[in-house]
N, C-alpha and C. Protein backbone atom coordinates (compact mmCIF):
# COMPACT_ATOMS: atom_id res chain seq x y z
N MET A 1 -99.05 -38.88 -18.31
CA MET A 1 -99.28 -39.47 -19.54
C MET A 1 -99.57 -37.83 -20.52
N SER A 2 -100.62 -37.27 -19.75
CA SER A 2 -101.23 -36.30 -20.08
C SER A 2 -100.35 -34.95 -20.74
N SER A 3 -98.73 -34.89 -20.29
CA SER A 3 -97.84 -33.95 -20.68
C SER A 3 -97.21 -34.57 -21.77
N HIS A 4 -97.05 -35.86 -21.88
CA HIS A 4 -96.49 -36.21 -23.07
C HIS A 4 -97.46 -36.27 -24.53
N HIS A 5 -99.02 -36.60 -24.29
CA HIS A 5 -99.80 -36.61 -24.99
C HIS A 5 -99.91 -35.12 -25.54
N ASN A 6 -99.55 -34.11 -24.82
CA ASN A 6 -99.93 -32.67 -25.19
C ASN A 6 -98.66 -32.56 -25.75
N SER A 7 -97.60 -32.49 -25.51
CA SER A 7 -96.00 -32.20 -26.27
C SER A 7 -96.19 -32.89 -27.72
N GLU A 8 -96.96 -33.98 -27.62
CA GLU A 8 -97.08 -34.80 -29.04
C GLU A 8 -98.20 -33.97 -29.87
N GLU A 9 -99.29 -33.59 -29.40
CA GLU A 9 -100.20 -32.83 -30.20
C GLU A 9 -99.43 -31.66 -30.67
N LYS A 10 -98.58 -30.86 -29.71
CA LYS A 10 -97.77 -29.63 -30.50
C LYS A 10 -96.93 -29.86 -31.57
N LEU A 11 -96.26 -30.94 -31.32
CA LEU A 11 -95.47 -31.33 -32.29
C LEU A 11 -96.01 -31.63 -33.59
N ASN A 12 -97.33 -32.03 -33.49
CA ASN A 12 -98.34 -32.69 -34.57
C ASN A 12 -98.43 -31.38 -35.59
N GLU A 13 -99.12 -30.20 -34.37
CA GLU A 13 -99.46 -28.92 -35.02
C GLU A 13 -98.23 -28.11 -35.78
N LEU A 14 -97.36 -28.77 -34.95
CA LEU A 14 -96.03 -27.61 -35.63
C LEU A 14 -95.67 -28.22 -37.14
N PHE A 15 -95.73 -29.45 -37.30
CA PHE A 15 -95.46 -30.48 -38.54
C PHE A 15 -96.54 -30.04 -39.48
N ALA A 16 -98.04 -29.81 -39.11
CA ALA A 16 -98.98 -29.34 -39.90
C ALA A 16 -98.62 -28.27 -40.57
N ALA A 17 -98.54 -27.12 -39.55
CA ALA A 17 -98.19 -25.29 -40.16
C ALA A 17 -97.11 -25.65 -41.13
N TYR A 18 -95.99 -26.24 -40.69
CA TYR A 18 -94.78 -26.44 -41.74
C TYR A 18 -94.94 -26.95 -43.12
N ARG A 19 -95.98 -28.27 -43.17
CA ARG A 19 -96.42 -28.55 -44.27
C ARG A 19 -97.27 -27.79 -44.88
N GLN A 20 -98.25 -26.68 -44.45
CA GLN A 20 -98.99 -25.86 -45.05
C GLN A 20 -98.07 -24.75 -45.59
N GLU A 21 -96.83 -24.30 -44.80
CA GLU A 21 -95.83 -23.35 -45.48
C GLU A 21 -95.17 -23.72 -46.67
N MET A 22 -94.79 -24.95 -46.52
CA MET A 22 -93.97 -25.49 -47.50
C MET A 22 -94.43 -26.84 -47.87
N PRO A 23 -95.19 -26.68 -49.01
CA PRO A 23 -95.88 -28.05 -50.02
C PRO A 23 -94.48 -28.99 -50.37
N ASP A 24 -95.12 -29.85 -50.17
CA ASP A 24 -94.16 -30.80 -51.11
C ASP A 24 -93.58 -30.80 -52.17
N PHE A 25 -92.25 -30.78 -52.62
CA PHE A 25 -91.78 -30.57 -53.81
C PHE A 25 -92.00 -31.63 -54.64
N GLU A 26 -92.33 -31.35 -55.81
CA GLU A 26 -92.39 -32.52 -56.88
C GLU A 26 -91.85 -32.31 -58.01
N GLY A 27 -90.84 -33.03 -58.19
CA GLY A 27 -89.67 -32.71 -59.40
C GLY A 27 -90.48 -32.92 -60.42
N GLY A 28 -90.21 -31.97 -61.50
CA GLY A 28 -90.55 -32.03 -62.77
C GLY A 28 -89.40 -32.98 -63.50
N ALA A 29 -89.66 -32.84 -64.79
CA ALA A 29 -88.87 -33.70 -65.74
C ALA A 29 -87.28 -32.67 -66.14
N ASP A 30 -87.35 -31.76 -65.58
CA ASP A 30 -85.98 -30.91 -65.81
C ASP A 30 -85.48 -30.97 -64.12
N PHE A 31 -85.83 -31.49 -63.42
CA PHE A 31 -85.25 -31.67 -62.03
C PHE A 31 -84.00 -31.95 -61.99
N LEU A 32 -83.59 -33.16 -62.61
CA LEU A 32 -82.39 -33.83 -62.48
C LEU A 32 -81.35 -33.05 -63.20
N PRO A 33 -81.85 -32.83 -64.69
CA PRO A 33 -80.63 -32.10 -65.46
C PRO A 33 -80.35 -30.81 -65.04
N GLY A 34 -81.42 -29.84 -64.29
CA GLY A 34 -81.03 -28.92 -63.83
C GLY A 34 -80.00 -28.88 -62.61
N MET A 35 -80.29 -30.04 -61.84
CA MET A 35 -79.41 -30.23 -60.62
C MET A 35 -78.07 -30.34 -61.34
N TRP A 36 -78.08 -31.21 -62.08
CA TRP A 36 -76.39 -31.43 -62.90
C TRP A 36 -76.16 -30.29 -63.43
N SER A 37 -76.69 -29.47 -64.07
CA SER A 37 -75.98 -28.24 -64.75
C SER A 37 -75.42 -27.34 -63.45
N LYS A 38 -76.37 -27.08 -62.68
CA LYS A 38 -76.03 -26.12 -61.36
C LYS A 38 -74.47 -27.07 -60.77
N ILE A 39 -74.74 -28.40 -60.44
CA ILE A 39 -73.09 -28.86 -60.03
C ILE A 39 -72.16 -28.75 -60.82
N ASP A 40 -72.30 -28.85 -62.41
CA ASP A 40 -71.31 -28.35 -63.18
C ASP A 40 -70.81 -27.04 -63.25
N ARG A 41 -71.82 -25.97 -63.07
CA ARG A 41 -71.04 -25.06 -63.10
C ARG A 41 -70.00 -24.40 -61.85
N LYS A 42 -70.89 -25.06 -60.65
CA LYS A 42 -69.83 -24.96 -59.52
C LYS A 42 -68.51 -25.46 -59.66
N LYS A 43 -68.31 -26.90 -60.27
CA LYS A 43 -67.33 -27.37 -60.30
C LYS A 43 -66.37 -26.58 -61.61
N ALA A 44 -66.66 -26.09 -62.42
CA ALA A 44 -66.28 -25.33 -63.36
C ALA A 44 -65.57 -24.04 -62.76
N GLN A 45 -66.42 -23.34 -62.14
CA GLN A 45 -65.55 -22.15 -61.33
C GLN A 45 -64.46 -22.58 -60.09
N THR A 46 -64.74 -23.88 -59.89
CA THR A 46 -63.68 -24.06 -58.59
C THR A 46 -62.53 -24.40 -59.36
N SER A 47 -62.55 -25.33 -60.61
CA SER A 47 -61.55 -26.00 -61.43
C SER A 47 -60.79 -24.59 -61.70
N ALA A 48 -61.55 -23.69 -61.95
CA ALA A 48 -60.73 -22.45 -62.90
C ALA A 48 -59.81 -21.73 -61.64
N TRP A 49 -60.29 -21.60 -60.59
CA TRP A 49 -59.40 -20.88 -59.61
C TRP A 49 -58.55 -21.83 -58.96
N LEU A 50 -58.53 -23.08 -58.93
CA LEU A 50 -57.38 -24.05 -58.80
C LEU A 50 -56.55 -23.70 -59.82
N SER A 51 -57.19 -23.77 -60.91
CA SER A 51 -55.84 -23.59 -62.06
C SER A 51 -55.15 -22.53 -62.14
N TRP A 52 -55.90 -21.44 -61.42
CA TRP A 52 -54.87 -20.13 -61.47
C TRP A 52 -54.18 -20.03 -60.32
N THR A 53 -54.47 -20.84 -59.44
CA THR A 53 -53.62 -21.00 -58.04
C THR A 53 -52.60 -21.91 -58.11
N ARG A 54 -52.55 -22.96 -58.85
CA ARG A 54 -51.72 -23.94 -59.19
C ARG A 54 -50.73 -22.94 -60.29
N THR A 55 -51.21 -22.47 -61.06
CA THR A 55 -50.11 -21.68 -62.20
C THR A 55 -49.51 -20.69 -61.13
N ILE A 56 -49.79 -19.79 -60.40
CA ILE A 56 -49.15 -18.59 -59.61
C ILE A 56 -48.41 -19.67 -58.69
N LEU A 57 -48.86 -20.80 -57.92
CA LEU A 57 -47.68 -21.15 -57.43
C LEU A 57 -46.48 -21.74 -57.91
N ALA A 58 -46.82 -22.43 -59.29
CA ALA A 58 -45.61 -23.04 -59.96
C ALA A 58 -44.70 -21.75 -60.30
N GLY A 59 -45.41 -20.73 -60.88
CA GLY A 59 -44.32 -19.66 -61.15
C GLY A 59 -43.62 -19.07 -60.17
N ALA A 60 -44.23 -18.84 -58.87
CA ALA A 60 -43.43 -18.77 -57.65
C ALA A 60 -42.38 -19.62 -57.15
N THR A 61 -42.64 -20.45 -57.53
CA THR A 61 -41.47 -21.47 -57.10
C THR A 61 -40.49 -21.53 -58.00
N CYS A 62 -40.53 -21.66 -59.39
CA CYS A 62 -39.67 -21.59 -60.16
C CYS A 62 -38.85 -20.10 -60.03
N ALA A 63 -39.34 -18.97 -59.50
CA ALA A 63 -38.66 -17.53 -59.42
C ALA A 63 -38.12 -17.78 -57.98
N GLY A 64 -38.49 -18.73 -57.41
CA GLY A 64 -37.36 -18.81 -56.13
C GLY A 64 -36.19 -19.76 -56.44
N ALA A 65 -36.68 -20.43 -57.26
CA ALA A 65 -35.61 -21.73 -57.75
C ALA A 65 -34.82 -20.98 -58.45
N LEU A 66 -34.95 -20.11 -59.31
CA LEU A 66 -33.79 -19.12 -60.00
C LEU A 66 -32.97 -18.40 -59.05
N LEU A 67 -33.53 -17.50 -58.19
CA LEU A 67 -33.34 -16.57 -57.54
C LEU A 67 -32.23 -17.55 -56.58
N VAL A 68 -32.26 -18.83 -56.34
CA VAL A 68 -31.41 -19.56 -55.46
C VAL A 68 -30.59 -19.93 -56.31
N GLY A 69 -30.30 -20.35 -57.42
CA GLY A 69 -29.68 -20.81 -58.21
C GLY A 69 -28.76 -19.84 -58.59
N PHE A 70 -29.24 -18.48 -58.89
CA PHE A 70 -28.39 -17.02 -59.47
C PHE A 70 -27.45 -16.76 -57.93
N SER A 71 -28.02 -16.81 -56.80
CA SER A 71 -27.31 -16.48 -55.89
C SER A 71 -26.09 -17.27 -55.45
N VAL A 72 -26.33 -18.77 -55.67
CA VAL A 72 -25.12 -19.79 -55.67
C VAL A 72 -24.31 -19.54 -56.88
N TRP A 73 -24.65 -19.44 -58.01
CA TRP A 73 -24.06 -19.55 -59.11
C TRP A 73 -22.78 -18.46 -59.19
N SER A 74 -23.70 -17.15 -58.76
CA SER A 74 -22.70 -15.91 -59.00
C SER A 74 -21.39 -16.26 -58.54
N PRO A 75 -20.36 -15.73 -59.24
CA PRO A 75 -19.07 -15.84 -58.75
C PRO A 75 -18.80 -14.61 -57.75
N PHE A 76 -17.98 -15.30 -56.57
CA PHE A 76 -17.56 -14.50 -55.70
C PHE A 76 -16.60 -13.65 -55.84
N GLU A 77 -16.68 -12.50 -55.23
CA GLU A 77 -15.64 -11.48 -55.38
C GLU A 77 -14.52 -12.21 -54.74
N ARG A 78 -13.15 -12.22 -55.26
CA ARG A 78 -12.19 -12.67 -55.22
C ARG A 78 -11.23 -11.57 -54.35
N SER A 79 -10.99 -11.80 -53.47
CA SER A 79 -9.98 -10.94 -53.06
C SER A 79 -8.78 -11.81 -52.00
N ALA A 80 -7.98 -10.88 -51.76
CA ALA A 80 -6.92 -11.54 -50.62
C ALA A 80 -7.21 -11.61 -49.13
N TYR A 81 -8.20 -11.04 -49.28
CA TYR A 81 -9.01 -11.11 -47.41
C TYR A 81 -9.77 -12.08 -47.32
N TYR A 82 -10.15 -12.79 -48.46
CA TYR A 82 -10.96 -14.27 -48.27
C TYR A 82 -10.16 -15.30 -48.65
N GLU A 83 -9.12 -14.93 -49.19
CA GLU A 83 -8.37 -16.14 -49.24
C GLU A 83 -6.92 -16.26 -48.61
N SER A 84 -6.64 -15.37 -47.63
CA SER A 84 -5.73 -15.53 -46.99
C SER A 84 -6.07 -15.79 -45.36
N SER A 85 -5.20 -16.70 -44.69
CA SER A 85 -5.44 -16.63 -43.19
C SER A 85 -5.51 -15.33 -42.28
N TYR A 86 -5.72 -15.44 -41.32
CA TYR A 86 -6.08 -14.49 -40.10
C TYR A 86 -4.98 -13.51 -39.83
N VAL A 87 -3.78 -14.48 -39.53
CA VAL A 87 -2.56 -14.01 -39.35
C VAL A 87 -2.10 -13.38 -40.53
N GLU A 88 -2.19 -13.66 -41.74
CA GLU A 88 -1.81 -12.70 -42.91
C GLU A 88 -2.63 -11.94 -43.04
N ALA A 89 -3.79 -11.77 -42.87
CA ALA A 89 -4.71 -10.42 -43.14
C ALA A 89 -4.13 -9.34 -42.36
N LEU A 90 -3.85 -9.63 -41.10
CA LEU A 90 -3.18 -9.04 -39.98
C LEU A 90 -2.02 -8.51 -40.38
N ASP A 91 -1.54 -9.18 -40.92
CA ASP A 91 0.14 -8.79 -41.37
C ASP A 91 0.07 -7.94 -42.60
N ASP A 92 -1.00 -8.11 -43.42
CA ASP A 92 -1.07 -7.26 -44.70
C ASP A 92 -1.51 -5.73 -44.15
N SER A 93 -2.19 -5.69 -43.27
CA SER A 93 -2.93 -4.32 -42.83
C SER A 93 -1.91 -3.13 -42.81
N GLU A 94 -2.70 -2.13 -43.01
CA GLU A 94 -2.00 -0.95 -43.01
C GLU A 94 -1.86 0.02 -41.88
N ASP A 95 -2.80 -0.72 -41.08
CA ASP A 95 -2.86 0.12 -39.77
C ASP A 95 -2.05 -0.90 -38.88
N PHE A 96 -0.61 -0.79 -38.63
CA PHE A 96 0.24 -1.40 -38.30
C PHE A 96 -0.01 -1.45 -36.62
N VAL A 97 -0.26 -0.34 -36.00
CA VAL A 97 -0.05 -0.34 -34.59
C VAL A 97 -1.46 -1.26 -33.87
N VAL A 98 -2.86 -1.04 -34.78
CA VAL A 98 -3.78 -1.50 -34.06
C VAL A 98 -3.55 -3.34 -34.52
N MET A 99 -3.35 -3.23 -35.59
CA MET A 99 -3.06 -4.75 -36.00
C MET A 99 -1.97 -5.55 -35.21
N ALA A 100 -0.71 -4.94 -34.94
CA ALA A 100 0.16 -5.59 -34.19
C ALA A 100 -0.39 -5.71 -32.84
N ALA A 101 -0.88 -4.95 -31.89
CA ALA A 101 -1.60 -5.06 -31.00
C ALA A 101 -2.60 -6.41 -30.98
N LEU A 102 -3.33 -6.51 -32.25
CA LEU A 102 -4.52 -7.61 -32.37
C LEU A 102 -3.72 -8.95 -32.78
N HIS A 103 -2.48 -8.87 -32.91
CA HIS A 103 -1.69 -9.91 -33.49
C HIS A 103 -1.63 -10.87 -32.22
N PRO A 104 -1.50 -12.25 -32.33
CA PRO A 104 -1.32 -13.28 -31.56
C PRO A 104 -0.22 -13.08 -30.58
N ALA A 105 1.01 -13.08 -31.63
CA ALA A 105 2.68 -12.93 -31.00
C ALA A 105 2.68 -11.71 -30.82
N SER A 106 2.26 -10.29 -30.68
CA SER A 106 2.61 -9.20 -30.53
C SER A 106 3.03 -8.56 -29.08
N PRO A 107 4.14 -8.01 -29.56
CA PRO A 107 4.58 -7.13 -27.95
C PRO A 107 4.05 -5.98 -27.85
N VAL A 108 3.66 -5.43 -28.69
CA VAL A 108 3.00 -3.79 -28.91
C VAL A 108 1.66 -3.77 -27.58
N ASP A 109 1.30 -3.08 -26.98
CA ASP A 109 0.12 -3.01 -26.04
C ASP A 109 -1.00 -2.23 -27.02
N PRO A 110 -2.13 -2.68 -27.17
CA PRO A 110 -3.28 -1.90 -27.65
C PRO A 110 -3.66 -0.67 -27.29
N PRO A 111 -3.79 0.26 -28.57
CA PRO A 111 -3.93 2.04 -28.08
C PRO A 111 -5.02 1.86 -27.40
N ASN A 112 -4.64 3.18 -26.77
CA ASN A 112 -5.89 3.48 -25.55
C ASN A 112 -6.82 4.36 -26.34
N GLU A 113 -8.20 4.32 -26.74
CA GLU A 113 -8.85 5.37 -27.44
C GLU A 113 -9.92 5.64 -26.27
């Protein structure tokens, strides 16, 4: 019982020392309006930062959508290579020996390199 009583006295001494160093706060007439003005300032800073962030993200999204749109919309280069079949492309090639060797129905052996 003595140790319990001793620890309780130490705790009371600690609280007394705390009260002596940190007296009770008594709010004046300007306490609540001052508190609300601090809250409003913090809100204004946060909302300004969020506004800038949203603007930047919206701009980046629009730029990305435009880039994708332009890449899809831009006309593809029309070439016989893209419009012909594999066999037609092999037949139209100028390197007859190599292309003939690659042709599926070719009797020519591939060149040795």
